[in-house]
Every structure is written in structure tokens, then in C-alpha cells.
N, C-alpha and C. Protein backbone atom coordinates (compact mmCIF):
# COMPACT_ATOMS: atom_id res chain seq x y z
N MET A 1 0.75 -1.22 -0.01
CA MET A 1 -0.28 0.36 0.15
C MET A 1 1.06 0.91 0.21
N ARG A 2 0.81 2.11 -0.97
CA ARG A 2 1.39 3.31 -0.97
C ARG A 2 1.19 4.34 -0.01
N ARG A 3 1.67 5.24 0.57
CA ARG A 3 1.11 5.97 1.30
C ARG A 3 0.94 7.20 0.57
N ILE A 4 0.18 8.20 1.17
CA ILE A 4 0.06 9.64 1.38
C ILE A 4 0.23 10.50 1.76
N LEU A 5 1.08 11.77 1.85
CA LEU A 5 1.65 12.53 2.90
C LEU A 5 1.47 13.75 2.15
N CYS A 6 0.34 14.16 3.25
CA CYS A 6 -0.21 15.71 2.66
C CYS A 6 0.14 16.59 3.54
N SER A 7 0.84 17.93 3.18
CA SER A 7 0.81 18.86 3.64
C SER A 7 -0.21 20.01 3.64
N ILE A 8 -0.71 20.54 4.49
CA ILE A 8 -1.74 21.38 4.31
C ILE A 8 -1.11 22.39 5.17
N ALA A 9 -0.41 22.89 4.03
CA ALA A 9 0.83 23.83 4.59
C ALA A 9 -0.97 25.07 4.26
N LEU A 10 -1.60 24.07 4.53
CA LEU A 10 -3.21 24.51 4.23
C LEU A 10 -2.93 26.44 3.59
N THR A 11 -2.60 26.46 2.79
CA THR A 11 -1.73 28.01 2.69
C THR A 11 -2.69 28.44 1.43
N ALA A 12 -1.57 28.33 0.44
CA ALA A 12 -2.61 29.29 -0.99
C ALA A 12 -3.56 27.98 -1.72
N GLY A 13 -3.80 26.67 -0.95
CA GLY A 13 -4.20 25.80 -1.67
C GLY A 13 -3.24 25.00 -2.62
N LEU A 14 -2.27 25.26 -2.68
CA LEU A 14 -0.98 24.53 -3.72
C LEU A 14 -0.84 23.39 -3.57
N ALA A 15 -0.75 22.32 -4.49
CA ALA A 15 -0.20 21.29 -4.27
C ALA A 15 1.02 21.24 -4.45
N LEU A 16 1.78 20.03 -3.53
CA LEU A 16 3.56 20.18 -3.86
C LEU A 16 3.87 19.31 -4.65
N PRO A 17 5.14 19.39 -5.40
CA PRO A 17 5.30 18.42 -6.30
C PRO A 17 5.61 16.66 -5.72
N VAL A 18 5.55 15.70 -6.30
CA VAL A 18 6.21 14.59 -5.79
C VAL A 18 7.45 14.40 -5.20
N CYS A 19 7.79 13.62 -4.42
CA CYS A 19 8.94 13.61 -3.51
C CYS A 19 9.55 12.28 -3.53
N PRO A 20 10.67 12.25 -3.71
CA PRO A 20 11.54 10.68 -4.12
C PRO A 20 10.94 9.81 -2.68
N ALA A 21 10.75 8.66 -2.58
CA ALA A 21 10.61 8.03 -1.78
C ALA A 21 11.07 7.64 -0.83
N SER A 22 12.50 7.96 -0.70
CA SER A 22 13.26 7.89 0.75
C SER A 22 12.95 9.43 1.09
N GLN A 23 12.73 10.43 0.50
CA GLN A 23 12.33 11.55 1.58
C GLN A 23 10.94 11.53 2.02
N ARG A 24 10.71 10.85 1.61
CA ARG A 24 8.60 11.00 2.13
C ARG A 24 8.67 11.42 3.53
N ASP A 25 9.64 10.72 4.38
CA ASP A 25 8.91 10.94 5.90
C ASP A 25 9.82 11.60 6.75
N LYS A 26 10.77 12.56 5.99
CA LYS A 26 11.60 13.23 6.68
C LYS A 26 10.65 14.32 7.48
N ASN A 27 9.81 15.00 6.70
CA ASN A 27 9.15 16.07 7.09
C ASN A 27 7.93 16.17 6.77
N HIS A 28 6.97 16.28 7.67
CA HIS A 28 5.36 16.26 7.20
C HIS A 28 5.19 17.23 6.13
N ASN A 29 6.03 18.21 6.08
CA ASN A 29 5.30 19.42 4.25
C ASN A 29 6.35 19.17 3.50
N ASP A 30 6.79 17.53 3.11
CA ASP A 30 7.62 17.77 2.14
C ASP A 30 7.10 17.76 0.52
N ALA A 31 5.29 16.86 0.65
CA ALA A 31 5.21 16.41 -0.39
C ALA A 31 3.54 15.90 -0.60
N PHE A 32 2.49 15.87 -1.55
CA PHE A 32 1.37 15.35 -1.88
C PHE A 32 2.36 14.37 -2.43
N VAL A 33 2.05 13.22 -1.95
CA VAL A 33 2.94 11.65 -2.98
C VAL A 33 1.54 10.96 -3.24
N ALA A 34 1.44 10.93 -4.99
CA ALA A 34 0.15 10.39 -5.35
C ALA A 34 0.02 8.71 -5.42
N GLY A 35 -1.29 8.04 -4.71
CA GLY A 35 -1.00 6.46 -4.36
C GLY A 35 -2.32 6.20 -5.33
N PRO A 36 -2.97 4.99 -4.85
CA PRO A 36 -3.81 4.31 -5.31
C PRO A 36 -4.82 5.69 -5.20
N ARG A 37 -5.77 5.32 -6.31
CA ARG A 37 -7.31 6.59 -6.16
C ARG A 37 -7.80 6.53 -5.21
N GLY A 38 -8.52 5.81 -4.55
CA GLY A 38 -8.76 5.60 -3.34
C GLY A 38 -8.20 6.15 -2.52
N GLU A 39 -7.11 6.21 -2.31
CA GLU A 39 -5.96 7.04 -1.50
C GLU A 39 -6.18 9.00 -1.56
N ALA A 40 -6.01 8.86 -2.60
CA ALA A 40 -6.27 10.43 -3.56
C ALA A 40 -7.51 11.32 -3.66
N ARG A 41 -8.68 10.38 -3.61
CA ARG A 41 -9.50 10.56 -3.13
C ARG A 41 -9.61 11.32 -1.74
N ILE A 42 -10.03 10.38 -0.74
CA ILE A 42 -9.92 10.35 0.56
C ILE A 42 -8.85 12.01 0.67
N ALA A 43 -7.25 11.67 0.34
CA ALA A 43 -6.61 12.86 0.61
C ALA A 43 -7.24 14.48 0.25
N GLN A 44 -8.06 14.19 -0.56
CA GLN A 44 -8.41 15.33 -1.46
C GLN A 44 -9.37 15.82 -0.16
N GLU A 45 -10.63 14.79 -0.22
CA GLU A 45 -11.65 14.95 1.10
C GLU A 45 -10.99 15.58 2.37
N VAL A 46 -10.21 14.75 2.91
CA VAL A 46 -9.16 15.03 4.07
C VAL A 46 -9.12 16.99 4.38
N ARG A 47 -8.74 17.37 2.88
CA ARG A 47 -7.73 18.45 3.01
C ARG A 47 -9.13 19.19 3.06
N HIS A 48 -9.76 19.06 2.37
CA HIS A 48 -11.02 19.79 1.99
C HIS A 48 -11.64 20.28 3.51
N GLN A 49 -11.66 19.26 4.21
CA GLN A 49 -12.55 19.27 5.59
C GLN A 49 -11.65 19.93 6.24
N LEU A 50 -10.31 19.88 6.12
CA LEU A 50 -9.13 20.60 7.51
C LEU A 50 -9.26 22.05 7.18
N LEU A 51 -9.11 22.44 5.71
CA LEU A 51 -9.53 23.76 5.35
C LEU A 51 -10.60 24.63 5.95
N MET A 52 -11.71 23.85 5.67
CA MET A 52 -12.57 24.39 6.31
C MET A 52 -12.81 24.94 7.74
N LEU A 53 -12.09 24.14 8.33
CA LEU A 53 -12.26 24.21 10.13
C LEU A 53 -12.47 25.54 10.44
N PRO A 54 -12.99 26.08 11.30
CA PRO A 54 -13.91 27.23 11.57
C PRO A 54 -12.56 27.59 12.40
N TYR A 55 -12.05 27.33 13.23
CA TYR A 55 -10.76 27.69 14.15
C TYR A 55 -9.42 27.89 13.77
N TYR A 56 -9.33 27.13 12.62
CA TYR A 56 -8.07 26.97 11.84
C TYR A 56 -7.39 28.54 11.48
N THR A 57 -6.34 28.98 11.87
CA THR A 57 -5.73 30.06 11.59
C THR A 57 -4.32 30.21 11.31
N ILE A 58 -3.75 31.25 10.50
CA ILE A 58 -2.29 31.16 10.37
C ILE A 58 -1.64 31.21 11.84
N PHE A 59 -1.69 30.72 12.78
CA PHE A 59 -0.97 30.27 13.82
C PHE A 59 -1.14 28.90 14.72
N ASP A 60 -1.78 27.97 13.48
CA ASP A 60 -2.21 27.27 13.23
C ASP A 60 -1.27 26.24 12.33
N ASP A 61 -0.80 24.87 12.50
CA ASP A 61 -0.53 24.24 11.54
C ASP A 61 -0.98 22.88 11.22
N LEU A 62 -1.68 22.20 10.25
CA LEU A 62 -2.10 20.95 10.12
C LEU A 62 -1.80 20.64 9.04
N ALA A 63 -1.32 19.09 8.98
CA ALA A 63 -1.03 17.94 8.15
C ALA A 63 -1.45 16.63 8.52
N PHE A 64 -1.34 16.12 7.38
CA PHE A 64 -1.98 14.65 7.48
C PHE A 64 -1.28 14.00 6.62
N ARG A 65 -1.48 12.39 6.99
CA ARG A 65 -0.85 11.18 5.61
C ARG A 65 -2.08 10.59 5.54
N VAL A 66 -2.50 9.64 4.73
CA VAL A 66 -3.21 8.76 4.21
C VAL A 66 -2.34 7.80 4.18
N ASP A 67 -2.38 6.58 4.27
CA ASP A 67 -2.43 5.08 4.06
C ASP A 67 -3.39 4.08 4.54
N GLY A 68 -3.83 3.88 2.96
CA GLY A 68 -4.94 3.33 3.04
C GLY A 68 -6.35 3.91 3.47
N GLY A 69 -6.98 3.53 4.42
CA GLY A 69 -8.12 4.10 5.37
C GLY A 69 -7.56 4.40 6.46
N THR A 70 -6.46 4.32 6.42
CA THR A 70 -5.93 5.10 7.89
C THR A 70 -5.58 6.14 7.81
N VAL A 71 -6.30 7.95 8.47
CA VAL A 71 -5.27 9.08 8.26
C VAL A 71 -4.84 9.63 9.58
N THR A 72 -3.64 9.77 9.47
CA THR A 72 -2.45 10.17 10.42
C THR A 72 -2.53 11.82 10.46
N LEU A 73 -3.39 12.42 11.60
CA LEU A 73 -3.05 13.83 11.69
C LEU A 73 -2.13 14.60 12.35
N LEU A 74 -1.41 15.59 11.67
CA LEU A 74 -0.44 16.41 12.53
C LEU A 74 -0.16 17.32 12.28
N GLY A 75 0.87 18.17 12.87
CA GLY A 75 0.68 19.69 13.30
C GLY A 75 0.78 19.99 14.90
N ALA A 76 0.30 21.62 14.47
CA ALA A 76 0.22 21.74 16.28
C ALA A 76 -0.84 22.94 15.85
N VAL A 77 -1.31 22.98 16.99
CA VAL A 77 -2.67 24.09 17.02
C VAL A 77 -2.54 25.06 18.35
N THR A 78 -3.04 26.09 18.11
CA THR A 78 -3.29 26.72 19.79
C THR A 78 -4.49 26.87 20.48
N ASN A 79 -5.87 26.02 19.71
CA ASN A 79 -6.73 25.78 20.21
C ASN A 79 -7.26 24.39 20.19
N PRO A 80 -7.16 23.67 21.53
CA PRO A 80 -7.32 22.45 21.91
C PRO A 80 -9.12 21.75 20.93
N VAL A 81 -9.55 22.88 20.91
CA VAL A 81 -10.49 22.23 20.13
C VAL A 81 -10.91 22.40 19.06
N LEU A 82 -9.61 22.35 18.30
CA LEU A 82 -9.53 22.43 16.58
C LEU A 82 -8.80 21.36 16.42
N LYS A 83 -7.90 20.89 17.54
CA LYS A 83 -7.52 19.08 17.49
C LYS A 83 -9.03 18.51 17.44
N SER A 84 -9.51 18.71 17.91
CA SER A 84 -10.66 17.48 18.20
C SER A 84 -12.00 17.73 17.43
N ASP A 85 -11.85 18.99 16.74
CA ASP A 85 -12.89 19.03 15.17
C ASP A 85 -11.75 18.49 14.24
N ALA A 86 -10.73 18.37 13.94
CA ALA A 86 -10.01 17.89 13.00
C ALA A 86 -10.03 16.27 13.15
N GLU A 87 -9.92 16.07 14.35
CA GLU A 87 -10.54 14.18 14.18
C GLU A 87 -11.91 13.54 13.54
N ASN A 88 -12.60 14.71 14.20
CA ASN A 88 -14.25 14.55 14.21
C ASN A 88 -14.66 14.78 12.53
N VAL A 89 -13.52 15.55 12.13
CA VAL A 89 -14.59 15.88 10.26
C VAL A 89 -13.83 14.81 9.44
N VAL A 90 -12.89 14.58 9.82
CA VAL A 90 -11.97 13.05 9.51
C VAL A 90 -12.42 11.86 9.48
N LYS A 91 -12.82 11.50 10.88
CA LYS A 91 -13.38 10.04 10.97
C LYS A 91 -14.76 9.69 10.31
N HIS A 92 -15.66 11.08 9.76
CA HIS A 92 -16.54 10.66 9.24
C HIS A 92 -17.03 10.58 7.64
N LEU A 93 -15.44 10.78 6.87
CA LEU A 93 -15.43 10.62 5.73
C LEU A 93 -15.61 9.20 5.55
N GLU A 94 -15.80 9.22 3.91
CA GLU A 94 -16.55 7.79 3.54
C GLU A 94 -14.83 7.28 3.33
N GLY A 95 -14.49 6.36 3.43
CA GLY A 95 -13.26 5.23 3.19
C GLY A 95 -12.13 5.30 4.08
N VAL A 96 -12.62 6.12 5.62
CA VAL A 96 -11.38 6.19 6.58
C VAL A 96 -11.86 5.43 7.67
N THR A 97 -11.14 4.45 7.60
CA THR A 97 -11.41 3.44 8.66
C THR A 97 -10.75 3.73 10.32
N GLN A 98 -9.71 4.43 10.05
CA GLN A 98 -8.77 4.66 11.09
C GLN A 98 -8.70 6.08 11.81
N VAL A 99 -8.44 6.60 12.12
CA VAL A 99 -8.06 8.43 12.72
C VAL A 99 -7.25 8.31 14.04
N ILE A 100 -5.51 8.94 13.28
CA ILE A 100 -4.46 8.55 13.97
C ILE A 100 -4.26 10.00 14.54
N ASN A 101 -4.53 10.96 15.58
CA ASN A 101 -4.28 12.14 16.06
C ASN A 101 -3.19 12.41 16.90
N ASN A 102 -2.53 12.91 16.27
CA ASN A 102 -1.09 13.36 16.47
C ASN A 102 -0.83 14.86 16.47
N ILE A 103 -1.52 15.58 16.00
CA ILE A 103 -1.98 16.83 16.13
C ILE A 103 -1.62 17.59 17.92
N LYS A 104 -0.75 18.33 18.11
CA LYS A 104 -0.02 19.28 19.36
C LYS A 104 -0.77 20.05 19.85
N VAL A 105 -1.27 20.24 20.78
CA VAL A 105 -1.80 21.48 21.49
C VAL A 105 -0.55 22.28 21.98
N LEU A 106 -0.49 23.39 21.31
CA LEU A 106 0.65 24.49 22.01
C LEU A 106 0.50 25.08 23.89
N PRO A 107 1.50 24.93 23.66
CA PRO A 107 1.02 25.44 25.19
C PRO A 107 0.41 27.36 25.34
N VAL A 108 -0.09 27.19 26.53
CA VAL A 108 -0.93 28.91 26.26
C VAL A 108 0.44 29.64 27.21
N SER A 109 0.55 30.48 26.58
CA SER A 109 1.41 31.33 26.97
C SER A 109 1.36 33.09 26.59
N PRO A 110 0.94 33.95 27.63
CA PRO A 110 1.09 34.98 26.88
C PRO A 110 2.16 35.63 26.00
N MET A 111 3.87 35.54 26.63
CA MET A 111 4.61 35.84 26.11
C MET A 111 4.84 35.34 24.21
N ASP A 112 4.31 33.80 24.32
CA ASP A 112 3.84 33.50 23.09
C ASP A 112 3.21 34.05 21.95
N TRP A 113 1.66 34.46 22.65
CA TRP A 113 0.88 35.27 21.72
C TRP A 113 1.54 36.76 21.17
N GLN A 114 2.26 37.21 22.82
CA GLN A 114 3.00 38.40 22.24
C GLN A 114 3.82 38.24 20.56
N ILE A 115 4.68 37.41 20.51
CA ILE A 115 5.07 36.44 19.75
C ILE A 115 4.66 36.78 18.71
N ARG A 116 3.72 36.14 18.55
CA ARG A 116 2.44 35.48 17.19
C ARG A 116 1.98 36.76 15.97
N LYS A 117 1.26 37.96 17.49
CA LYS A 117 1.33 39.26 17.33
C LYS A 117 3.07 39.84 16.62
N ALA A 118 3.21 39.86 16.97
CA ALA A 118 4.64 40.64 16.37
C ALA A 118 5.39 39.80 15.06
N GLU A 119 5.43 39.05 15.35
CA GLU A 119 5.85 37.80 14.06
C GLU A 119 4.73 38.25 13.07
N PHE A 120 3.61 38.03 13.08
CA PHE A 120 2.06 39.18 12.00
C PHE A 120 2.56 39.68 11.38
N ARG A 121 2.78 41.26 12.78
CA ARG A 121 3.09 42.54 12.15
C ARG A 121 4.38 42.24 11.13
N ALA A 122 5.42 41.98 11.26
CA ALA A 122 6.94 42.27 11.15
C ALA A 122 6.62 41.38 9.47
N ILE A 123 5.49 40.02 9.48
CA ILE A 123 5.76 39.47 7.69
C ILE A 123 4.84 40.08 7.33
N TYR A 124 3.47 40.07 7.46
CA TYR A 124 2.39 40.27 6.93
C TYR A 124 2.39 42.11 6.55
N GLY A 125 2.84 42.91 7.76
CA GLY A 125 3.19 44.44 7.53
C GLY A 125 4.21 44.68 6.46
N ASP A 126 5.17 43.65 5.93
CA ASP A 126 5.99 44.38 4.88
C ASP A 126 4.86 44.55 3.98
N PRO A 127 4.94 45.71 3.19
CA PRO A 127 4.05 45.45 1.92
C PRO A 127 4.97 44.36 0.47
N GLN A 128 5.85 44.03 0.67
CA GLN A 128 6.62 42.96 -0.63
C GLN A 128 5.79 41.34 -0.08
N ILE A 129 5.79 41.16 1.33
CA ILE A 129 5.12 40.06 1.82
C ILE A 129 3.53 40.22 2.17
N GLY A 130 2.91 41.53 2.41
CA GLY A 130 1.50 41.42 2.65
C GLY A 130 0.80 41.83 1.32
N ASP A 131 1.22 42.69 0.67
CA ASP A 131 0.63 42.21 -1.02
C ASP A 131 0.12 41.53 -1.31
N ARG A 132 1.31 40.44 -1.44
CA ARG A 132 0.99 38.94 -2.21
C ARG A 132 0.75 38.00 -1.41
N TYR A 133 0.84 38.13 -0.51
CA TYR A 133 0.08 36.61 0.77
C TYR A 133 -1.10 37.05 1.44
N GLY A 134 -0.75 38.24 2.02
CA GLY A 134 -1.95 38.74 3.40
C GLY A 134 -3.24 38.79 3.13
N ASN A 135 -3.47 38.69 1.55
CA ASN A 135 -4.97 39.11 0.99
C ASN A 135 -5.79 37.56 0.89
N GLN A 136 -6.11 36.94 1.56
CA GLN A 136 -6.32 35.43 1.88
C GLN A 136 -7.16 35.33 2.58
N ALA A 137 -8.32 34.62 2.42
CA ALA A 137 -8.95 34.04 3.55
C ALA A 137 -8.02 33.37 4.87
N LEU A 138 -7.35 32.63 4.00
CA LEU A 138 -6.25 31.83 4.74
C LEU A 138 -4.63 32.66 4.67
N PRO A 139 -3.99 33.38 4.89
CA PRO A 139 -2.85 33.30 4.07
C PRO A 139 -1.47 32.25 4.00
N PRO A 140 -0.97 31.94 3.14
CA PRO A 140 0.07 30.96 3.35
C PRO A 140 0.70 30.62 4.09
N ILE A 141 0.93 31.40 4.86
CA ILE A 141 2.68 31.49 5.55
C ILE A 141 2.26 31.36 7.11
N HIS A 142 2.13 30.38 8.08
CA HIS A 142 1.61 30.14 9.03
C HIS A 142 2.79 30.27 10.30
N ILE A 143 2.64 30.70 11.05
CA ILE A 143 3.18 31.25 12.16
C ILE A 143 3.17 30.56 13.47
N ILE A 144 3.94 29.21 13.54
CA ILE A 144 3.38 28.57 14.59
C ILE A 144 4.48 28.96 15.83
N VAL A 145 4.47 29.25 16.84
CA VAL A 145 5.46 29.91 18.20
C VAL A 145 5.49 28.49 19.22
N GLU A 146 6.40 28.38 19.89
CA GLU A 146 5.86 27.55 20.96
C GLU A 146 7.07 27.68 22.20
N ASN A 147 6.81 28.15 23.05
CA ASN A 147 8.07 28.55 24.11
C ASN A 147 9.18 29.60 23.34
N GLY A 148 8.65 30.26 22.98
CA GLY A 148 9.40 31.83 22.57
C GLY A 148 9.88 31.19 21.22
N HIS A 149 10.15 29.96 20.08
CA HIS A 149 10.47 29.35 19.15
C HIS A 149 9.47 29.51 18.21
N VAL A 150 10.34 30.22 17.11
CA VAL A 150 9.10 30.08 15.88
C VAL A 150 9.48 29.16 14.90
N THR A 151 8.30 28.49 13.81
CA THR A 151 8.91 28.10 12.87
C THR A 151 7.67 28.68 12.01
N LEU A 152 8.18 28.24 10.93
CA LEU A 152 6.87 29.19 9.74
C LEU A 152 6.87 27.99 8.74
N GLU A 153 5.55 27.75 8.60
CA GLU A 153 5.06 26.50 7.45
C GLU A 153 4.47 27.36 6.10
N GLY A 154 4.46 26.91 5.19
CA GLY A 154 3.67 26.45 3.95
C GLY A 154 4.10 27.07 2.86
N VAL A 155 3.64 28.03 1.94
CA VAL A 155 3.75 27.84 0.78
C VAL A 155 4.51 29.25 -0.16
N VAL A 156 5.24 29.73 -0.64
CA VAL A 156 5.79 30.76 -0.92
C VAL A 156 6.45 30.95 -2.57
N ALA A 157 6.07 32.12 -3.24
CA ALA A 157 6.48 31.71 -4.72
C ALA A 157 7.47 31.72 -5.09
N SER A 158 8.74 32.12 -4.41
CA SER A 158 10.02 32.18 -4.97
C SER A 158 10.78 32.24 -3.55
N GLU A 159 12.17 31.88 -4.00
CA GLU A 159 13.52 31.37 -2.87
C GLU A 159 13.65 33.39 -2.47
N MET A 160 13.42 34.22 -3.01
CA MET A 160 13.62 35.32 -2.24
C MET A 160 12.53 36.07 -1.45
N ASP A 161 11.10 35.20 -1.41
CA ASP A 161 10.31 35.65 -0.61
C ASP A 161 10.35 35.06 0.71
N ARG A 162 10.97 33.57 0.26
CA ARG A 162 11.26 32.97 1.68
C ARG A 162 12.14 33.05 2.06
N ASN A 163 13.55 34.18 1.93
CA ASN A 163 14.37 34.67 2.59
C ASN A 163 14.37 35.68 3.08
N LEU A 164 13.00 36.41 2.40
CA LEU A 164 12.55 38.04 3.12
C LEU A 164 11.64 37.60 4.05
N ILE A 165 11.04 36.98 4.20
CA ILE A 165 10.04 36.61 5.48
C ILE A 165 11.01 36.02 6.25
N ASN A 166 12.29 35.31 6.19
CA ASN A 166 13.05 34.72 7.32
C ASN A 166 13.53 35.91 7.81
N ILE A 167 13.83 36.96 6.84
CA ILE A 167 14.79 38.02 7.69
C ILE A 167 13.91 39.02 8.62
N ARG A 168 12.40 39.14 8.16
CA ARG A 168 11.38 39.54 8.63
C ARG A 168 11.12 39.29 10.45
N ALA A 169 11.43 37.84 9.90
CA ALA A 169 10.66 36.78 11.17
C ALA A 169 11.99 37.15 12.10
N ASN A 170 13.29 36.86 11.92
CA ASN A 170 14.50 36.79 12.42
C ASN A 170 14.40 38.44 13.35
N SER A 171 13.85 39.13 12.83
CA SER A 171 13.86 40.83 13.35
C SER A 171 13.21 41.06 14.58
N VAL A 172 11.90 40.13 14.70
CA VAL A 172 11.32 40.51 15.96
C VAL A 172 12.13 40.06 17.25
N PRO A 173 12.25 40.64 18.52
CA PRO A 173 12.78 40.80 19.81
C PRO A 173 12.00 39.64 20.83
N GLY A 174 12.89 38.92 20.96
CA GLY A 174 11.94 38.25 22.34
C GLY A 174 11.93 36.86 21.45
N VAL A 175 12.73 36.74 20.39
CA VAL A 175 12.44 35.08 19.81
C VAL A 175 13.60 34.25 20.37
N PHE A 176 13.57 33.21 20.56
CA PHE A 176 14.91 32.48 20.76
C PHE A 176 15.85 32.17 19.70
N SER A 177 14.80 31.41 18.50
CA SER A 177 14.87 30.76 17.42
C SER A 177 14.04 31.43 16.31
N VAL A 178 14.32 31.11 15.22
CA VAL A 178 13.20 30.87 13.68
C VAL A 178 13.96 29.88 12.74
N THR A 179 12.93 28.77 12.83
CA THR A 179 13.11 28.03 11.64
C THR A 179 11.90 27.89 10.77
N ASN A 180 12.87 28.25 9.17
CA ASN A 180 11.98 28.48 8.30
C ASN A 180 11.68 27.08 7.31
N ASP A 181 10.58 26.49 7.70
CA ASP A 181 10.24 25.58 7.31
C ASP A 181 9.50 26.04 5.77
N LEU A 182 9.47 26.97 5.23
CA LEU A 182 8.83 27.28 3.49
C LEU A 182 9.35 26.64 2.71
N VAL A 183 8.26 26.47 2.34
CA VAL A 183 8.75 25.82 0.74
C VAL A 183 8.41 26.43 -0.20
N VAL A 184 9.24 26.36 -1.11
CA VAL A 184 8.99 27.57 -2.65
C VAL A 184 8.33 26.51 -3.81
N GLU A 185 7.15 27.25 -4.30
CA GLU A 185 6.20 26.58 -4.93
C GLU A 185 7.03 26.34 -5.92
N GLY A 186 6.66 24.52 -6.26
CA GLY A 186 7.54 24.46 -7.46
C GLY A 186 9.03 23.51 -7.26
N THR A 187 9.35 23.23 -6.10
CA THR A 187 10.87 23.21 -5.90
C THR A 187 10.51 22.20 -4.79
N GLY A 188 9.70 22.06 -4.05
CA GLY A 188 9.40 21.34 -2.96
C GLY A 188 10.32 21.65 -1.88
N LYS A 189 11.37 22.04 -2.17
CA LYS A 189 11.96 22.84 -0.87
C LYS A 189 11.54 23.91 -0.07
């Protein structure tokens, strides 16, 4: 059975390119790997349902894997309700026999919320970034903050955008580290 690995950098709604088998499990944001027709249909429905969750924001990261009828949910969320909602919508999909919920709920921290807001302003407040990526219902760049450590998830149009966003994210005071996991559209990296 082939494994489908889908990132919902749930961003611009862009599918990422196919990744070699040796790299499939390296990072949950690597690729959408096509499998049997049934798995592809399940993956498309799971992706749609997760995108439609009402509390899903740019401060959350949701991803999933499909292996036959088993869906594994991955990522990190700020709201515990989002974790349970994601599991509930997926387990009722046709063809899904089991849901493994590995979504991490981020700790409640006033300092982390200050960092999230400052990162949002630094990234989306930049005209070069905000004009291109900020005018969507769910912008493609997700800002995950855990105990002062920032991870950027999502899909961007160019390596220049990826680097500019990284520079903006690193300019925020009070951040211990920034991990740039943004993927450049069409390159898979």
C-alpha cells in the first residue's frame, strides 16, 4: 500500500510536487505523494475538511498522511478544540477506517501570543509580503510559536520571498529561534 503524505501548509491551496520515496517521511510538509485512486480521493476530502475548520488560523499548522483507510493527523494548534474538530471531521469521511490524531496543542503562554502578534505584523506588515500573501481568507504563511521558538510553515512563490520572510521573522525581539520550513512552489524545498 502506498502512503500519501499531504501537507496542509493549508496555505494558498497549492499542491506540492511529488517527492522521492526516500524523502517521504523526512518532514510532514515535504509533498503530496500520489497513491492509489481511493487514497487520492480520501486525501483530497481530508484536505478540504481541514481547510474548512472554523478555528483554523495562521497560528496553526495542520498536516496529514493517508495510508489506505488510516489517516494520521499531524501539526500543532493553539486551540484544543481545533484538534478534536479535525479528528471528528476526518473520521466521518467515506473510506476512512481509522484516525490517528498526533496534533500537538501548543501551551498557553502570554509571551508566545505577543510573539505571534509581533511576527504577524513583521511578516504581513511588509508591503512586499503582505500585498502578495496577506489578502487571502487563510494566508499561506503560518507562524507557529512554542515557548519562544518560531517555526514558519507554508508555501511561497520564490526563494527571494522565503528569504525575505525569514529576515522579517528574525527581526522580532524576544524570539529564541526561527525555523524556516517554508516551501518554494514548484521546487519542493
